[in-house]
Amino acid sequence: GAVNPCAGVTVVVTATKVDPTAGQSNGSITATATGGTGFTYSLNAGAFQASGTFIGLATGNYTVAARNSNGC
């Protein structure tokens, strides 16, 4: 049978946020992840990108996801 490359792997995402100025969309989130290599990052279930930095954000709630090179 196939071996699950994600078995026993825990991906932990840490995010640092910069709050936007009131009424502006100049906030940012910088995410880092551990639990593998070759991470890509996604904001609010959007397309994955190599950078964990998301800029131009308005006030609100955001969900950051990360996956490693094995897709975990």
PDB file of N, CA and C in Angstrom:
ATOM      1  N   GLY A   1       0.822  -1.208   0.000  1.00  0.00           N
ATOM      2  CA  GLY A   1       0.000   0.000   0.000  1.00  0.00           C
ATOM      3  C   GLY A   1       0.849   1.249   0.000  1.00  0.00           C
ATOM      4  N   ALA A   2       0.224   2.341  -0.332  1.00  0.00           N
ATOM      5  CA  ALA A   2       0.932   3.621  -0.384  1.00  0.00           C
ATOM      6  C   ALA A   2       1.222   4.115   1.029  1.00  0.00           C
ATOM      7  N   VAL A   3       2.364   4.713   1.187  1.00  0.00           N
ATOM      8  CA  VAL A   3       2.733   5.313   2.463  1.00  0.00           C
ATOM      9  C   VAL A   3       2.254   6.763   2.459  1.00  0.00           C
ATOM     10  N   ASN A   4       1.566   7.155   3.523  1.00  0.00           N
ATOM     11  CA  ASN A   4       1.105   8.543   3.629  1.00  0.00           C
ATOM     12  C   ASN A   4       2.294   9.418   4.014  1.00  0.00           C
ATOM     13  N   PRO A   5       2.735  10.318   3.109  1.00  0.00           N
ATOM     14  CA  PRO A   5       3.905  11.154   3.429  1.00  0.00           C
ATOM     15  C   PRO A   5       3.627  12.141   4.557  1.00  0.00           C
ATOM     16  N   CYS A   6       2.361  12.281   4.931  1.00  0.00           N
ATOM     17  CA  CYS A   6       2.009  13.233   5.982  1.00  0.00           C
ATOM     18  C   CYS A   6       1.827  12.558   7.335  1.00  0.00           C
ATOM     19  N   ALA A   7       1.943  11.242   7.368  1.00  0.00           N
ATOM     20  CA  ALA A   7       1.775  10.535   8.644  1.00  0.00           C
ATOM     21  C   ALA A   7       2.847  10.992   9.623  1.00  0.00           C
ATOM     22  N   GLY A   8       2.421  11.395  10.809  1.00  0.00           N
ATOM     23  CA  GLY A   8       3.362  11.831  11.828  1.00  0.00           C
ATOM     24  C   GLY A   8       3.930  13.219  11.609  1.00  0.00           C
ATOM     25  N   VAL A   9       3.490  13.915  10.577  1.00  0.00           N
ATOM     26  CA  VAL A   9       3.988  15.259  10.298  1.00  0.00           C
ATOM     27  C   VAL A   9       3.003  16.272  10.872  1.00  0.00           C
ATOM     28  N   THR A  10       3.518  17.202  11.655  1.00  0.00           N
ATOM     29  CA  THR A  10       2.688  18.282  12.176  1.00  0.00           C
ATOM     30  C   THR A  10       3.216  19.589  11.622  1.00  0.00           C
ATOM     31  N   VAL A  11       2.387  20.266  10.847  1.00  0.00           N
ATOM     32  CA  VAL A  11       2.751  21.574  10.302  1.00  0.00           C
ATOM     33  C   VAL A  11       2.186  22.636  11.243  1.00  0.00           C
ATOM     34  N   VAL A  12       3.062  23.492  11.747  1.00  0.00           N
ATOM     35  CA  VAL A  12       2.654  24.555  12.662  1.00  0.00           C
ATOM     36  C   VAL A  12       2.902  25.889  11.982  1.00  0.00           C
ATOM     37  N   VAL A  13       1.858  26.697  11.906  1.00  0.00           N
ATOM     38  CA  VAL A  13       1.961  28.012  11.274  1.00  0.00           C
ATOM     39  C   VAL A  13       1.971  29.082  12.363  1.00  0.00           C
ATOM     40  N   THR A  14       2.937  29.976  12.281  1.00  0.00           N
ATOM     41  CA  THR A  14       3.016  31.111  13.183  1.00  0.00           C
ATOM     42  C   THR A  14       2.857  32.374  12.351  1.00  0.00           C
ATOM     43  N   ALA A  15       1.952  33.251  12.756  1.00  0.00           N
ATOM     44  CA  ALA A  15       1.709  34.470  11.991  1.00  0.00           C
ATOM     45  C   ALA A  15       1.996  35.697  12.841  1.00  0.00           C
ATOM     46  N   THR A  16       2.630  36.668  12.218  1.00  0.00           N
ATOM     47  CA  THR A  16       2.850  37.968  12.831  1.00  0.00           C
ATOM     48  C   THR A  16       2.033  38.976  12.050  1.00  0.00           C
ATOM     49  N   LYS A  17       1.195  39.732  12.749  1.00  0.00           N
ATOM     50  CA  LYS A  17       0.333  40.657  12.037  1.00  0.00           C
ATOM     51  C   LYS A  17       0.721  42.098  12.330  1.00  0.00           C
ATOM     52  N   VAL A  18       0.468  42.948  11.348  1.00  0.00           N
ATOM     53  CA  VAL A  18       0.587  44.396  11.505  1.00  0.00           C
ATOM     54  C   VAL A  18      -0.795  44.949  11.230  1.00  0.00           C
ATOM     55  N   ASP A  19      -1.417  45.545  12.238  1.00  0.00           N
ATOM     56  CA  ASP A  19      -2.763  46.072  12.067  1.00  0.00           C
ATOM     57  C   ASP A  19      -2.760  47.268  11.126  1.00  0.00           C
ATOM     58  N   PRO A  20      -3.793  47.369  10.287  1.00  0.00           N
ATOM     59  CA  PRO A  20      -3.869  48.513   9.378  1.00  0.00           C
ATOM     60  C   PRO A  20      -4.245  49.789  10.114  1.00  0.00           C
ATOM     61  N   THR A  21      -3.868  50.901   9.536  1.00  0.00           N
ATOM     62  CA  THR A  21      -4.321  52.196  10.011  1.00  0.00           C
ATOM     63  C   THR A  21      -5.831  52.253   9.841  1.00  0.00           C
ATOM     64  N   ALA A  22      -6.524  52.900  10.746  1.00  0.00           N
ATOM     65  CA  ALA A  22      -7.993  52.973  10.678  1.00  0.00           C
ATOM     66  C   ALA A  22      -8.445  53.436   9.295  1.00  0.00           C
ATOM     67  N   GLY A  23      -9.335  52.667   8.670  1.00  0.00           N
ATOM     68  CA  GLY A  23      -9.877  53.037   7.371  1.00  0.00           C
ATOM     69  C   GLY A  23      -8.959  52.768   6.195  1.00  0.00           C
ATOM     70  N   GLN A  24      -7.787  52.195   6.459  1.00  0.00           N
ATOM     71  CA  GLN A  24      -6.830  51.932   5.385  1.00  0.00           C
ATOM     72  C   GLN A  24      -6.679  50.427   5.180  1.00  0.00           C
ATOM     73  N   SER A  25      -6.145  50.055   4.027  1.00  0.00           N
ATOM     74  CA  SER A  25      -5.842  48.656   3.753  1.00  0.00           C
ATOM     75  C   SER A  25      -4.334  48.502   3.658  1.00  0.00           C
ATOM     76  N   ASN A  26      -3.661  48.771   4.780  1.00  0.00           N
ATOM     77  CA  ASN A  26      -2.201  48.695   4.778  1.00  0.00           C
ATOM     78  C   ASN A  26      -1.678  47.765   5.862  1.00  0.00           C
ATOM     79  N   GLY A  27      -2.528  46.832   6.310  1.00  0.00           N
ATOM     80  CA  GLY A  27      -2.074  45.833   7.260  1.00  0.00           C
ATOM     81  C   GLY A  27      -1.354  44.708   6.544  1.00  0.00           C
ATOM     82  N   SER A  28      -0.669  43.880   7.325  1.00  0.00           N
ATOM     83  CA  SER A  28       0.036  42.750   6.729  1.00  0.00           C
ATOM     84  C   SER A  28       0.057  41.574   7.691  1.00  0.00           C
ATOM     85  N   ILE A  29       0.274  40.409   7.130  1.00  0.00           N
ATOM     86  CA  ILE A  29       0.476  39.189   7.899  1.00  0.00           C
ATOM     87  C   ILE A  29       1.717  38.520   7.333  1.00  0.00           C
ATOM     88  N   THR A  30       2.622  38.131   8.229  1.00  0.00           N
ATOM     89  CA  THR A  30       3.794  37.365   7.820  1.00  0.00           C
ATOM     90  C   THR A  30       3.719  36.027   8.518  1.00  0.00           C
ATOM     91  N   ALA A  31       3.599  34.963   7.742  1.00  0.00           N
ATOM     92  CA  ALA A  31       3.459  33.617   8.290  1.00  0.00           C
ATOM     93  C   ALA A  31       4.736  32.821   8.069  1.00  0.00           C
ATOM     94  N   THR A  32       5.082  32.020   9.077  1.00  0.00           N
ATOM     95  CA  THR A  32       6.174  31.063   8.946  1.00  0.00           C
ATOM     96  C   THR A  32       5.635  29.709   9.378  1.00  0.00           C
ATOM     97  N   ALA A  33       6.236  28.648   8.882  1.00  0.00           N
ATOM     98  CA  ALA A  33       5.754  27.311   9.206  1.00  0.00           C
ATOM     99  C   ALA A  33       6.926  26.401   9.537  1.00  0.00           C
ATOM    100  N   THR A  34       6.642  25.421  10.390  1.00  0.00           N
ATOM    101  CA  THR A  34       7.606  24.374  10.699  1.00  0.00           C
ATOM    102  C   THR A  34       6.926  23.030  10.471  1.00  0.00           C
ATOM    103  N   GLY A  35       7.717  22.002  10.273  1.00  0.00           N
ATOM    104  CA  GLY A  35       7.171  20.675  10.046  1.00  0.00           C
ATOM    105  C   GLY A  35       7.429  20.191   8.630  1.00  0.00           C
ATOM    106  N   GLY A  36       8.550  20.602   8.074  1.00  0.00           N
ATOM    107  CA  GLY A  36       8.895  20.171   6.721  1.00  0.00           C
ATOM    108  C   GLY A  36       9.691  21.238   6.017  1.00  0.00           C
ATOM    109  N   THR A  37       9.734  21.139   4.700  1.00  0.00           N
ATOM    110  CA  THR A  37      10.467  22.107   3.878  1.00  0.00           C
ATOM    111  C   THR A  37       9.624  22.470   2.670  1.00  0.00           C
ATOM    112  N   GLY A  38      10.039  23.504   1.976  1.00  0.00           N
ATOM    113  CA  GLY A  38       9.379  23.889   0.731  1.00  0.00           C
ATOM    114  C   GLY A  38       7.965  24.386   0.923  1.00  0.00           C
ATOM    115  N   PHE A  39       7.740  25.148   1.984  1.00  0.00           N
ATOM    116  CA  PHE A  39       6.389  25.585   2.289  1.00  0.00           C
ATOM    117  C   PHE A  39       5.841  26.572   1.269  1.00  0.00           C
ATOM    118  N   THR A  40       4.531  26.467   1.047  1.00  0.00           N
ATOM    119  CA  THR A  40       3.783  27.500   0.353  1.00  0.00           C
ATOM    120  C   THR A  40       2.648  27.904   1.283  1.00  0.00           C
ATOM    121  N   TYR A  41       2.156  29.113   1.068  1.00  0.00           N
ATOM    122  CA  TYR A  41       1.203  29.716   1.993  1.00  0.00           C
ATOM    123  C   TYR A  41      -0.037  30.200   1.254  1.00  0.00           C
ATOM    124  N   SER A  42      -1.162  30.140   1.949  1.00  0.00           N
ATOM    125  CA  SER A  42      -2.440  30.553   1.387  1.00  0.00           C
ATOM    126  C   SER A  42      -3.169  31.438   2.387  1.00  0.00           C
ATOM    127  N   LEU A  43      -3.817  32.481   1.894  1.00  0.00           N
ATOM    128  CA  LEU A  43      -4.618  33.370   2.731  1.00  0.00           C
ATOM    129  C   LEU A  43      -6.082  33.187   2.372  1.00  0.00           C
ATOM    130  N   ASN A  44      -6.902  32.876   3.382  1.00  0.00           N
ATOM    131  CA  ASN A  44      -8.348  32.703   3.177  1.00  0.00           C
ATOM    132  C   ASN A  44      -8.660  31.736   2.038  1.00  0.00           C
ATOM    133  N   ALA A  45      -7.962  30.607   2.021  1.00  0.00           N
ATOM    134  CA  ALA A  45      -8.178  29.528   1.048  1.00  0.00           C
ATOM    135  C   ALA A  45      -7.911  29.963  -0.394  1.00  0.00           C
ATOM    136  N   GLY A  46      -7.102  31.003  -0.570  1.00  0.00           N
ATOM    137  CA  GLY A  46      -6.732  31.447  -1.908  1.00  0.00           C
ATOM    138  C   GLY A  46      -5.603  30.605  -2.476  1.00  0.00           C
ATOM    139  N   ALA A  47      -5.069  31.035  -3.581  1.00  0.00           N
ATOM    140  CA  ALA A  47      -3.981  30.315  -4.224  1.00  0.00           C
ATOM    141  C   ALA A  47      -2.756  30.282  -3.312  1.00  0.00           C
ATOM    142  N   PHE A  48      -2.038  29.158  -3.336  1.00  0.00           N
ATOM    143  CA  PHE A  48      -0.817  29.055  -2.543  1.00  0.00           C
ATOM    144  C   PHE A  48       0.307  29.815  -3.235  1.00  0.00           C
ATOM    145  N   GLN A  49       1.165  30.435  -2.434  1.00  0.00           N
ATOM    146  CA  GLN A  49       2.291  31.209  -2.950  1.00  0.00           C
ATOM    147  C   GLN A  49       3.521  30.889  -2.125  1.00  0.00           C
ATOM    148  N   ALA A  50       4.692  31.156  -2.711  1.00  0.00           N
ATOM    149  CA  ALA A  50       5.947  30.812  -2.043  1.00  0.00           C
ATOM    150  C   ALA A  50       6.196  31.683  -0.814  1.00  0.00           C
ATOM    151  N   SER A  51       5.740  32.922  -0.849  1.00  0.00           N
ATOM    152  CA  SER A  51       5.974  33.847   0.252  1.00  0.00           C
ATOM    153  C   SER A  51       4.888  33.716   1.302  1.00  0.00           C
ATOM    154  N   GLY A  52       5.283  33.827   2.568  1.00  0.00           N
ATOM    155  CA  GLY A  52       4.318  33.825   3.656  1.00  0.00           C
ATOM    156  C   GLY A  52       3.860  35.211   4.033  1.00  0.00           C
ATOM    157  N   THR A  53       4.223  36.209   3.217  1.00  0.00           N
ATOM    158  CA  THR A  53       3.870  37.592   3.524  1.00  0.00           C
ATOM    159  C   THR A  53       2.681  38.025   2.680  1.00  0.00           C
ATOM    160  N   PHE A  54       1.669  38.548   3.353  1.00  0.00           N
ATOM    161  CA  PHE A  54       0.474  39.062   2.685  1.00  0.00           C
ATOM    162  C   PHE A  54       0.308  40.518   3.095  1.00  0.00           C
ATOM    163  N   ILE A  55       0.235  41.413   2.114  1.00  0.00           N
ATOM    164  CA  ILE A  55       0.165  42.848   2.406  1.00  0.00           C
ATOM    165  C   ILE A  55      -1.105  43.442   1.835  1.00  0.00           C
ATOM    166  N   GLY A  56      -1.348  44.709   2.160  1.00  0.00           N
ATOM    167  CA  GLY A  56      -2.509  45.412   1.624  1.00  0.00           C
ATOM    168  C   GLY A  56      -3.810  44.921   2.222  1.00  0.00           C
ATOM    169  N   LEU A  57      -3.770  44.544   3.496  1.00  0.00           N
ATOM    170  CA  LEU A  57      -4.942  43.965   4.132  1.00  0.00           C
ATOM    171  C   LEU A  57      -5.731  44.991   4.925  1.00  0.00           C
ATOM    172  N   ALA A  58      -7.039  44.919   4.785  1.00  0.00           N
ATOM    173  CA  ALA A  58      -7.926  45.748   5.589  1.00  0.00           C
ATOM    174  C   ALA A  58      -8.190  45.043   6.918  1.00  0.00           C
ATOM    175  N   THR A  59      -8.824  45.746   7.842  1.00  0.00           N
ATOM    176  CA  THR A  59      -9.200  45.150   9.111  1.00  0.00           C
ATOM    177  C   THR A  59     -10.143  43.977   8.861  1.00  0.00           C
ATOM    178  N   GLY A  60      -9.917  42.894   9.557  1.00  0.00           N
ATOM    179  CA  GLY A  60     -10.782  41.729   9.388  1.00  0.00           C
ATOM    180  C   GLY A  60     -10.118  40.488   9.919  1.00  0.00           C
ATOM    181  N   ASN A  61     -10.793  39.372   9.761  1.00  0.00           N
ATOM    182  CA  ASN A  61     -10.250  38.084  10.174  1.00  0.00           C
ATOM    183  C   ASN A  61      -9.724  37.352   8.953  1.00  0.00           C
ATOM    184  N   TYR A  62      -8.550  36.785   9.095  1.00  0.00           N
ATOM    185  CA  TYR A  62      -7.905  36.075   8.001  1.00  0.00           C
ATOM    186  C   TYR A  62      -7.474  34.700   8.467  1.00  0.00           C
ATOM    187  N   THR A  63      -7.517  33.747   7.550  1.00  0.00           N
ATOM    188  CA  THR A  63      -7.043  32.404   7.830  1.00  0.00           C
ATOM    189  C   THR A  63      -5.841  32.133   6.935  1.00  0.00           C
ATOM    190  N   VAL A  64      -4.720  31.771   7.566  1.00  0.00           N
ATOM    191  CA  VAL A  64      -3.505  31.468   6.824  1.00  0.00           C
ATOM    192  C   VAL A  64      -3.286  29.963   6.897  1.00  0.00           C
ATOM    193  N   ALA A  65      -3.013  29.351   5.758  1.00  0.00           N
ATOM    194  CA  ALA A  65      -2.681  27.931   5.702  1.00  0.00           C
ATOM    195  C   ALA A  65      -1.306  27.780   5.081  1.00  0.00           C
ATOM    196  N   ALA A  66      -0.623  26.718   5.488  1.00  0.00           N
ATOM    197  CA  ALA A  66       0.677  26.406   4.901  1.00  0.00           C
ATOM    198  C   ALA A  66       0.721  24.929   4.554  1.00  0.00           C
ATOM    199  N   ARG A  67       1.432  24.606   3.490  1.00  0.00           N
ATOM    200  CA  ARG A  67       1.670  23.196   3.186  1.00  0.00           C
ATOM    201  C   ARG A  67       3.119  23.030   2.793  1.00  0.00           C
ATOM    202  N   ASN A  68       3.663  21.865   3.123  1.00  0.00           N
ATOM    203  CA  ASN A  68       5.055  21.628   2.808  1.00  0.00           C
ATOM    204  C   ASN A  68       5.190  20.960   1.434  1.00  0.00           C
ATOM    205  N   SER A  69       6.420  20.635   1.072  1.00  0.00           N
ATOM    206  CA  SER A  69       6.677  20.123  -0.275  1.00  0.00           C
ATOM    207  C   SER A  69       5.982  18.794  -0.538  1.00  0.00           C
ATOM    208  N   ASN A  70       5.565  18.091   0.527  1.00  0.00           N
ATOM    209  CA  ASN A  70       4.815  16.847   0.349  1.00  0.00           C
ATOM    210  C   ASN A  70       3.320  17.076   0.292  1.00  0.00           C
ATOM    211  N   GLY A  71       2.884  18.344   0.376  1.00  0.00           N
ATOM    212  CA  GLY A  71       1.471  18.658   0.308  1.00  0.00           C
ATOM    213  C   GLY A  71       0.724  18.450   1.612  1.00  0.00           C
ATOM    214  N   CYS A  72       1.467  18.388   2.706  1.00  0.00           N
ATOM    215  CA  CYS A  72       0.825  18.185   4.020  1.00  0.00           C
ATOM    216  C   CYS A  72       0.253  19.495   4.548  1.00  0.00           C
TER     217      CYS A  72
END
